[in-house]
Amino acid sequence: MALNKLRQLDQNSAGITLPKGDLQIEGLLDEEGNVDDEYQIHVRHTGNGEWKLKLVGEAADK
């Protein structure tokens, strides 16, 4: 199981790193391996230390 780092972004939010390989599979990176646009992700707490992430908007329809 891969582990991803949880980090403080500012006083009101935190972020989680996502592997670029996974982002590439979803078509979210440009040819240079950078995130090629701004994307919206719906995050839902499903309970007991578990969350579900879902790409929404136009990118989800790729």
N, C-alpha and C. Protein backbone atom coordinates (compact mmCIF):
# COMPACT_ATOMS: atom_id res chain seq x y z
N MET A 1 0.84 -1.16 0.00
CA MET A 1 0.00 0.00 0.00
C MET A 1 0.90 1.24 0.00
N ALA A 2 0.67 2.14 -0.97
CA ALA A 2 1.42 3.40 -1.02
C ALA A 2 0.88 4.34 0.03
N LEU A 3 1.77 5.11 0.65
CA LEU A 3 1.37 6.10 1.65
C LEU A 3 1.55 7.49 1.06
N ASN A 4 0.58 8.35 1.29
CA ASN A 4 0.60 9.71 0.78
C ASN A 4 0.67 10.66 1.96
N LYS A 5 1.40 11.75 1.80
CA LYS A 5 1.63 12.68 2.89
C LYS A 5 0.46 13.66 3.03
N LEU A 6 0.03 13.85 4.28
CA LEU A 6 -0.96 14.86 4.63
C LEU A 6 -0.17 16.05 5.14
N ARG A 7 -0.43 17.26 4.61
CA ARG A 7 0.32 18.44 5.04
C ARG A 7 -0.60 19.63 5.23
N GLN A 8 -0.17 20.52 6.11
CA GLN A 8 -0.90 21.76 6.39
C GLN A 8 -0.70 22.71 5.22
N LEU A 9 -1.80 23.24 4.64
CA LEU A 9 -1.69 24.22 3.56
C LEU A 9 -1.82 25.65 4.08
N ASP A 10 -2.79 25.87 4.95
CA ASP A 10 -2.98 27.16 5.60
C ASP A 10 -3.75 26.91 6.89
N GLN A 11 -4.25 27.95 7.52
CA GLN A 11 -4.94 27.76 8.80
C GLN A 11 -6.24 26.97 8.68
N ASN A 12 -6.84 26.96 7.50
CA ASN A 12 -8.15 26.34 7.34
C ASN A 12 -8.18 25.08 6.49
N SER A 13 -7.03 24.67 5.96
CA SER A 13 -7.06 23.50 5.09
C SER A 13 -5.76 22.72 5.13
N ALA A 14 -5.87 21.48 4.70
CA ALA A 14 -4.73 20.57 4.57
C ALA A 14 -4.80 19.95 3.18
N GLY A 15 -3.71 19.38 2.73
CA GLY A 15 -3.67 18.74 1.43
C GLY A 15 -3.03 17.37 1.50
N ILE A 16 -3.30 16.58 0.48
CA ILE A 16 -2.73 15.24 0.38
C ILE A 16 -2.02 15.13 -0.96
N THR A 17 -0.82 14.59 -0.96
CA THR A 17 -0.10 14.39 -2.22
C THR A 17 -0.70 13.19 -2.96
N LEU A 18 -0.77 13.32 -4.27
CA LEU A 18 -1.24 12.24 -5.13
C LEU A 18 -0.12 11.86 -6.09
N PRO A 19 0.11 10.58 -6.29
CA PRO A 19 1.19 10.16 -7.19
C PRO A 19 0.94 10.64 -8.62
N LYS A 20 1.98 11.19 -9.25
CA LYS A 20 1.84 11.67 -10.62
C LYS A 20 1.45 10.56 -11.58
N GLY A 21 1.90 9.34 -11.31
CA GLY A 21 1.52 8.22 -12.17
C GLY A 21 0.02 8.02 -12.22
N ASP A 22 -0.64 8.17 -11.07
CA ASP A 22 -2.09 8.05 -11.02
C ASP A 22 -2.76 9.20 -11.75
N LEU A 23 -2.21 10.41 -11.61
CA LEU A 23 -2.77 11.57 -12.30
C LEU A 23 -2.58 11.44 -13.81
N GLN A 24 -1.46 10.86 -14.23
CA GLN A 24 -1.21 10.65 -15.65
C GLN A 24 -2.22 9.67 -16.24
N ILE A 25 -2.52 8.60 -15.52
CA ILE A 25 -3.51 7.62 -15.98
C ILE A 25 -4.85 8.29 -16.23
N GLU A 26 -5.19 9.29 -15.40
CA GLU A 26 -6.46 10.01 -15.54
C GLU A 26 -6.40 11.11 -16.59
N GLY A 27 -5.23 11.33 -17.19
CA GLY A 27 -5.09 12.35 -18.22
C GLY A 27 -5.04 13.77 -17.68
N LEU A 28 -4.56 13.94 -16.44
CA LEU A 28 -4.56 15.25 -15.80
C LEU A 28 -3.21 15.96 -15.89
N LEU A 29 -2.22 15.34 -16.54
CA LEU A 29 -0.90 15.94 -16.67
C LEU A 29 -0.61 16.28 -18.12
N ASP A 30 0.20 17.34 -18.33
CA ASP A 30 0.60 17.69 -19.68
C ASP A 30 1.80 16.83 -20.10
N GLU A 31 2.35 17.11 -21.27
CA GLU A 31 3.46 16.31 -21.80
C GLU A 31 4.71 16.38 -20.94
N GLU A 32 4.83 17.45 -20.14
CA GLU A 32 6.01 17.62 -19.28
C GLU A 32 5.80 17.06 -17.88
N GLY A 33 4.64 16.45 -17.64
CA GLY A 33 4.37 15.84 -16.35
C GLY A 33 3.83 16.79 -15.30
N ASN A 34 3.33 17.96 -15.73
CA ASN A 34 2.74 18.93 -14.82
C ASN A 34 1.23 18.91 -14.93
N VAL A 35 0.55 19.26 -13.86
CA VAL A 35 -0.91 19.36 -13.90
C VAL A 35 -1.24 20.41 -14.95
N ASP A 36 -2.04 20.05 -15.96
CA ASP A 36 -2.22 20.92 -17.12
C ASP A 36 -3.41 21.86 -17.04
N ASP A 37 -4.11 21.88 -15.93
CA ASP A 37 -5.27 22.75 -15.78
C ASP A 37 -5.64 22.78 -14.31
N GLU A 38 -6.70 23.49 -13.97
CA GLU A 38 -7.23 23.44 -12.61
C GLU A 38 -8.41 22.49 -12.62
N TYR A 39 -8.45 21.60 -11.67
CA TYR A 39 -9.50 20.59 -11.61
C TYR A 39 -10.25 20.68 -10.30
N GLN A 40 -11.49 20.26 -10.33
CA GLN A 40 -12.31 20.21 -9.14
C GLN A 40 -12.44 18.75 -8.71
N ILE A 41 -12.24 18.50 -7.44
CA ILE A 41 -12.34 17.15 -6.89
C ILE A 41 -13.32 17.20 -5.72
N HIS A 42 -14.32 16.35 -5.76
CA HIS A 42 -15.26 16.25 -4.64
C HIS A 42 -14.68 15.24 -3.64
N VAL A 43 -14.54 15.66 -2.40
CA VAL A 43 -14.00 14.80 -1.34
C VAL A 43 -15.12 14.53 -0.35
N ARG A 44 -15.38 13.25 -0.12
CA ARG A 44 -16.46 12.87 0.80
C ARG A 44 -15.91 11.93 1.87
N HIS A 45 -16.15 12.29 3.12
CA HIS A 45 -15.75 11.43 4.23
C HIS A 45 -16.74 10.28 4.31
N THR A 46 -16.23 9.07 4.21
CA THR A 46 -17.11 7.90 4.22
C THR A 46 -17.10 7.19 5.57
N GLY A 47 -16.23 7.66 6.49
CA GLY A 47 -16.25 7.11 7.84
C GLY A 47 -14.98 6.41 8.22
N ASN A 48 -14.71 6.40 9.51
CA ASN A 48 -13.61 5.65 10.11
C ASN A 48 -12.29 5.77 9.37
N GLY A 49 -11.84 7.02 9.14
CA GLY A 49 -10.55 7.23 8.49
C GLY A 49 -10.55 7.01 6.99
N GLU A 50 -11.71 7.02 6.36
CA GLU A 50 -11.79 6.79 4.91
C GLU A 50 -12.50 7.95 4.23
N TRP A 51 -11.95 8.31 3.05
CA TRP A 51 -12.53 9.35 2.23
C TRP A 51 -12.63 8.83 0.80
N LYS A 52 -13.56 9.40 0.03
CA LYS A 52 -13.68 9.06 -1.38
C LYS A 52 -13.46 10.35 -2.18
N LEU A 53 -12.61 10.28 -3.20
CA LEU A 53 -12.33 11.41 -4.07
C LEU A 53 -12.97 11.16 -5.43
N LYS A 54 -13.59 12.20 -5.99
CA LYS A 54 -14.20 12.05 -7.30
C LYS A 54 -13.94 13.30 -8.13
N LEU A 55 -13.34 13.12 -9.31
CA LEU A 55 -13.10 14.20 -10.24
C LEU A 55 -14.45 14.64 -10.82
N VAL A 56 -14.73 15.93 -10.77
CA VAL A 56 -16.01 16.43 -11.27
C VAL A 56 -15.77 17.48 -12.36
N GLY A 57 -16.79 17.77 -13.14
CA GLY A 57 -16.70 18.76 -14.20
C GLY A 57 -16.26 18.13 -15.50
N GLU A 58 -15.76 18.98 -16.39
CA GLU A 58 -15.38 18.55 -17.74
C GLU A 58 -14.29 17.47 -17.72
N ALA A 59 -13.35 17.57 -16.82
CA ALA A 59 -12.25 16.59 -16.76
C ALA A 59 -12.76 15.20 -16.47
N ALA A 60 -13.85 15.10 -15.73
CA ALA A 60 -14.42 13.78 -15.41
C ALA A 60 -15.00 13.11 -16.65
N ASP A 61 -15.30 13.92 -17.67
CA ASP A 61 -15.90 13.38 -18.89
C ASP A 61 -14.87 12.98 -19.96
N LYS A 62 -13.57 13.14 -19.64
CA LYS A 62 -12.51 12.81 -20.62
C LYS A 62 -12.54 11.35 -20.99
